[in-house]
């Protein structure tokens, strides 16, 4: 991929069921994620998705774009900006910023349907020329 190229977005719906399944798979029973009554009393006012669940969508986008390059040597450097909640539609997006030291560096972010930035930063991976190119993923 060339500098300036947009990565194909990944769009995901956040549901309480997905959050609960993620919590069970990861062994994270924090009631902030799984107990609506508990979470309603917190500063978040309700359950929120695990940050790593949202990061998985960025990784899915990078895998679709860069395949083995991402899987064998990808790195993320991001900040969490806001929580994602059940009912949100999360869109992961990215753009190739530069080629540096044999790596493709991309600006990446996840946004909600309210255009709120949830996660933002950079992702990079080795540049072997084997990138897969744009493939839109919507579930």
C-alpha atoms as a PDB file:
ATOM      1  CA  UNK A   1       0.000   0.000   0.000  1.00  0.00           C
ATOM      2  CA  UNK A   2       1.151   3.500  -0.771  1.00  0.00           C
ATOM      3  CA  UNK A   3       1.351   6.507   1.546  1.00  0.00           C
ATOM      4  CA  UNK A   4      -2.070   8.138   1.759  1.00  0.00           C
ATOM      5  CA  UNK A   5      -4.003   4.936   1.041  1.00  0.00           C
ATOM      6  CA  UNK A   6      -7.093   4.377   3.172  1.00  0.00           C
ATOM      7  CA  UNK A   7      -7.552   0.986   4.794  1.00  0.00           C
ATOM      8  CA  UNK A   8     -10.887  -0.742   4.313  1.00  0.00           C
ATOM      9  CA  UNK A   9     -12.989  -0.051   7.421  1.00  0.00           C
ATOM     10  CA  UNK A  10     -14.270  -2.702   9.802  1.00  0.00           C
ATOM     11  CA  UNK A  11     -17.748  -1.986  11.184  1.00  0.00           C
ATOM     12  CA  UNK A  12     -19.058  -3.833  14.247  1.00  0.00           C
ATOM     13  CA  UNK A  13     -22.182  -3.636  16.387  1.00  0.00           C
ATOM     14  CA  UNK A  14     -21.582  -3.737  20.135  1.00  0.00           C
ATOM     15  CA  UNK A  15     -24.134  -5.774  22.059  1.00  0.00           C
ATOM     16  CA  UNK A  16     -24.303  -6.810  25.693  1.00  0.00           C
ATOM     17  CA  UNK A  17     -24.173 -10.416  24.488  1.00  0.00           C
ATOM     18  CA  UNK A  18     -20.837  -9.781  22.702  1.00  0.00           C
ATOM     19  CA  UNK A  19     -19.467  -8.063  25.801  1.00  0.00           C
ATOM     20  CA  UNK A  20     -20.567 -10.966  28.016  1.00  0.00           C
ATOM     21  CA  UNK A  21     -19.023 -13.547  25.655  1.00  0.00           C
ATOM     22  CA  UNK A  22     -15.771 -11.583  25.567  1.00  0.00           C
ATOM     23  CA  UNK A  23     -15.748 -11.394  29.381  1.00  0.00           C
ATOM     24  CA  UNK A  24     -16.317 -15.138  29.644  1.00  0.00           C
ATOM     25  CA  UNK A  25     -13.648 -16.010  27.063  1.00  0.00           C
ATOM     26  CA  UNK A  26     -11.095 -13.724  28.705  1.00  0.00           C
ATOM     27  CA  UNK A  27     -11.990 -14.533  32.299  1.00  0.00           C
ATOM     28  CA  UNK A  28     -12.796 -10.882  33.035  1.00  0.00           C
ATOM     29  CA  UNK A  29     -15.889 -10.855  35.211  1.00  0.00           C
ATOM     30  CA  UNK A  30     -15.652  -7.154  36.072  1.00  0.00           C
ATOM     31  CA  UNK A  31     -19.269  -6.096  36.686  1.00  0.00           C
ATOM     32  CA  UNK A  32     -18.591  -2.811  34.887  1.00  0.00           C
ATOM     33  CA  UNK A  33     -18.802  -4.885  31.713  1.00  0.00           C
ATOM     34  CA  UNK A  34     -21.359  -7.542  32.633  1.00  0.00           C
ATOM     35  CA  UNK A  35     -23.764  -6.250  35.300  1.00  0.00           C
ATOM     36  CA  UNK A  36     -26.082  -3.467  34.083  1.00  0.00           C
ATOM     37  CA  UNK A  37     -27.385  -2.711  37.602  1.00  0.00           C
ATOM     38  CA  UNK A  38     -23.887  -2.368  39.031  1.00  0.00           C
ATOM     39  CA  UNK A  39     -22.588  -0.402  36.044  1.00  0.00           C
ATOM     40  CA  UNK A  40     -25.536   2.021  36.193  1.00  0.00           C
ATOM     41  CA  UNK A  41     -24.194   3.279  39.542  1.00  0.00           C
ATOM     42  CA  UNK A  42     -20.719   4.018  38.173  1.00  0.00           C
ATOM     43  CA  UNK A  43     -19.382   7.114  36.426  1.00  0.00           C
ATOM     44  CA  UNK A  44     -20.152   5.369  33.113  1.00  0.00           C
ATOM     45  CA  UNK A  45     -23.877   5.060  33.858  1.00  0.00           C
ATOM     46  CA  UNK A  46     -24.066   1.596  32.290  1.00  0.00           C
ATOM     47  CA  UNK A  47     -22.014  -1.282  30.994  1.00  0.00           C
ATOM     48  CA  UNK A  48     -19.102  -0.641  28.660  1.00  0.00           C
ATOM     49  CA  UNK A  49     -17.176  -2.881  26.277  1.00  0.00           C
ATOM     50  CA  UNK A  50     -13.709  -4.109  27.171  1.00  0.00           C
ATOM     51  CA  UNK A  51     -11.042  -1.935  25.614  1.00  0.00           C
ATOM     52  CA  UNK A  52      -9.340  -5.016  24.210  1.00  0.00           C
ATOM     53  CA  UNK A  53     -12.544  -5.979  22.394  1.00  0.00           C
ATOM     54  CA  UNK A  54     -12.424  -2.667  20.542  1.00  0.00           C
ATOM     55  CA  UNK A  55      -8.700  -3.125  19.840  1.00  0.00           C
ATOM     56  CA  UNK A  56      -9.501  -6.499  18.282  1.00  0.00           C
ATOM     57  CA  UNK A  57     -11.456  -4.637  15.592  1.00  0.00           C
ATOM     58  CA  UNK A  58      -8.379  -2.560  14.764  1.00  0.00           C
ATOM     59  CA  UNK A  59      -6.360  -5.752  14.530  1.00  0.00           C
ATOM     60  CA  UNK A  60      -8.987  -7.273  12.240  1.00  0.00           C
ATOM     61  CA  UNK A  61      -8.713  -4.241   9.950  1.00  0.00           C
ATOM     62  CA  UNK A  62      -4.914  -4.451   9.900  1.00  0.00           C
ATOM     63  CA  UNK A  63      -5.040  -8.198   9.200  1.00  0.00           C
ATOM     64  CA  UNK A  64      -7.379  -7.627   6.257  1.00  0.00           C
ATOM     65  CA  UNK A  65      -5.010  -4.990   4.856  1.00  0.00           C
ATOM     66  CA  UNK A  66      -1.600  -6.501   5.597  1.00  0.00           C
ATOM     67  CA  UNK A  67      -2.135 -10.221   6.252  1.00  0.00           C
ATOM     68  CA  UNK A  68       0.990 -12.080   7.359  1.00  0.00           C
ATOM     69  CA  UNK A  69       2.951  -8.836   7.681  1.00  0.00           C
ATOM     70  CA  UNK A  70       0.562  -7.723  10.423  1.00  0.00           C
ATOM     71  CA  UNK A  71       0.204 -11.136  12.037  1.00  0.00           C
ATOM     72  CA  UNK A  72       3.950 -11.758  12.209  1.00  0.00           C
ATOM     73  CA  UNK A  73       5.144  -8.349  13.338  1.00  0.00           C
ATOM     74  CA  UNK A  74       2.340  -5.845  13.819  1.00  0.00           C
ATOM     75  CA  UNK A  75       2.437  -3.269  16.606  1.00  0.00           C
ATOM     76  CA  UNK A  76      -0.209  -0.940  18.027  1.00  0.00           C
ATOM     77  CA  UNK A  77       0.410   2.291  19.917  1.00  0.00           C
ATOM     78  CA  UNK A  78      -2.982   3.751  20.799  1.00  0.00           C
ATOM     79  CA  UNK A  79      -4.866   5.610  23.509  1.00  0.00           C
ATOM     80  CA  UNK A  80      -8.345   4.918  24.745  1.00  0.00           C
ATOM     81  CA  UNK A  81     -10.375   8.120  24.448  1.00  0.00           C
ATOM     82  CA  UNK A  82     -13.944   7.078  25.337  1.00  0.00           C
ATOM     83  CA  UNK A  83     -15.841   3.895  26.219  1.00  0.00           C
ATOM     84  CA  UNK A  84     -17.984   1.903  23.824  1.00  0.00           C
ATOM     85  CA  UNK A  85     -21.408   0.791  24.994  1.00  0.00           C
ATOM     86  CA  UNK A  86     -24.030  -1.759  24.010  1.00  0.00           C
ATOM     87  CA  UNK A  87     -25.926  -0.359  21.035  1.00  0.00           C
ATOM     88  CA  UNK A  88     -22.872   1.364  19.562  1.00  0.00           C
ATOM     89  CA  UNK A  89     -21.730   0.837  16.007  1.00  0.00           C
ATOM     90  CA  UNK A  90     -17.937   0.948  16.010  1.00  0.00           C
ATOM     91  CA  UNK A  91     -16.041   1.763  12.830  1.00  0.00           C
ATOM     92  CA  UNK A  92     -12.317   1.049  12.664  1.00  0.00           C
ATOM     93  CA  UNK A  93     -10.496   3.136  10.071  1.00  0.00           C
ATOM     94  CA  UNK A  94      -6.921   3.721   9.026  1.00  0.00           C
ATOM     95  CA  UNK A  95      -4.648   5.449   6.544  1.00  0.00           C
ATOM     96  CA  UNK A  96      -1.045   4.768   5.564  1.00  0.00           C
ATOM     97  CA  UNK A  97       1.008   7.656   6.991  1.00  0.00           C
ATOM     98  CA  UNK A  98       4.535   6.751   5.996  1.00  0.00           C
ATOM     99  CA  UNK A  99       6.997   4.028   5.153  1.00  0.00           C
ATOM    100  CA  UNK A 100       9.790   4.059   7.715  1.00  0.00           C
ATOM    101  CA  UNK A 101      12.643   1.654   8.427  1.00  0.00           C
ATOM    102  CA  UNK A 102      11.022  -1.097   6.363  1.00  0.00           C
ATOM    103  CA  UNK A 103       7.671  -0.746   8.126  1.00  0.00           C
ATOM    104  CA  UNK A 104       4.308   0.566   7.004  1.00  0.00           C
ATOM    105  CA  UNK A 105       2.991   3.056   9.580  1.00  0.00           C
ATOM    106  CA  UNK A 106      -0.745   3.786   9.697  1.00  0.00           C
ATOM    107  CA  UNK A 107      -2.916   6.234  11.602  1.00  0.00           C
ATOM    108  CA  UNK A 108      -5.746   4.179  13.125  1.00  0.00           C
ATOM    109  CA  UNK A 109      -8.879   4.929  15.082  1.00  0.00           C
ATOM    110  CA  UNK A 110     -12.225   3.566  16.166  1.00  0.00           C
ATOM    111  CA  UNK A 111     -15.281   5.835  16.193  1.00  0.00           C
ATOM    112  CA  UNK A 112     -18.833   5.369  17.398  1.00  0.00           C
ATOM    113  CA  UNK A 113     -21.920   6.149  15.363  1.00  0.00           C
ATOM    114  CA  UNK A 114     -21.954   9.479  17.262  1.00  0.00           C
ATOM    115  CA  UNK A 115     -18.593  10.274  15.588  1.00  0.00           C
ATOM    116  CA  UNK A 116     -16.941  10.012  19.010  1.00  0.00           C
ATOM    117  CA  UNK A 117     -13.321   8.826  18.915  1.00  0.00           C
ATOM    118  CA  UNK A 118     -13.030   5.720  21.087  1.00  0.00           C
ATOM    119  CA  UNK A 119      -9.428   4.727  20.315  1.00  0.00           C
ATOM    120  CA  UNK A 120      -6.750   6.556  18.309  1.00  0.00           C
ATOM    121  CA  UNK A 121      -3.081   6.126  17.524  1.00  0.00           C
ATOM    122  CA  UNK A 122      -0.740   4.318  15.168  1.00  0.00           C
ATOM    123  CA  UNK A 123      -0.221   0.777  13.954  1.00  0.00           C
ATOM    124  CA  UNK A 124       2.773  -0.490  12.029  1.00  0.00           C
ATOM    125  CA  UNK A 125       3.977  -3.709  10.478  1.00  0.00           C
ATOM    126  CA  UNK A 126       6.886  -5.004   8.400  1.00  0.00           C
ATOM    127  CA  UNK A 127       6.708  -4.078   4.738  1.00  0.00           C
ATOM    128  CA  UNK A 128       7.314  -7.176   2.644  1.00  0.00           C
ATOM    129  CA  UNK A 129       5.030  -6.201  -0.219  1.00  0.00           C
ATOM    130  CA  UNK A 130       2.583  -8.969   0.598  1.00  0.00           C
ATOM    131  CA  UNK A 131      -0.264  -6.720   1.746  1.00  0.00           C
ATOM    132  CA  UNK A 132      -3.715  -7.889   0.806  1.00  0.00           C
ATOM    133  CA  UNK A 133      -5.190  -4.520  -0.123  1.00  0.00           C
ATOM    134  CA  UNK A 134      -8.624  -3.127   0.682  1.00  0.00           C
ATOM    135  CA  UNK A 135     -11.285  -5.525   1.885  1.00  0.00           C
ATOM    136  CA  UNK A 136     -14.301  -4.090   3.707  1.00  0.00           C
ATOM    137  CA  UNK A 137     -15.484  -6.142   6.673  1.00  0.00           C
ATOM    138  CA  UNK A 138     -18.950  -5.598   8.137  1.00  0.00           C
ATOM    139  CA  UNK A 139     -20.623  -7.871  10.683  1.00  0.00           C
END
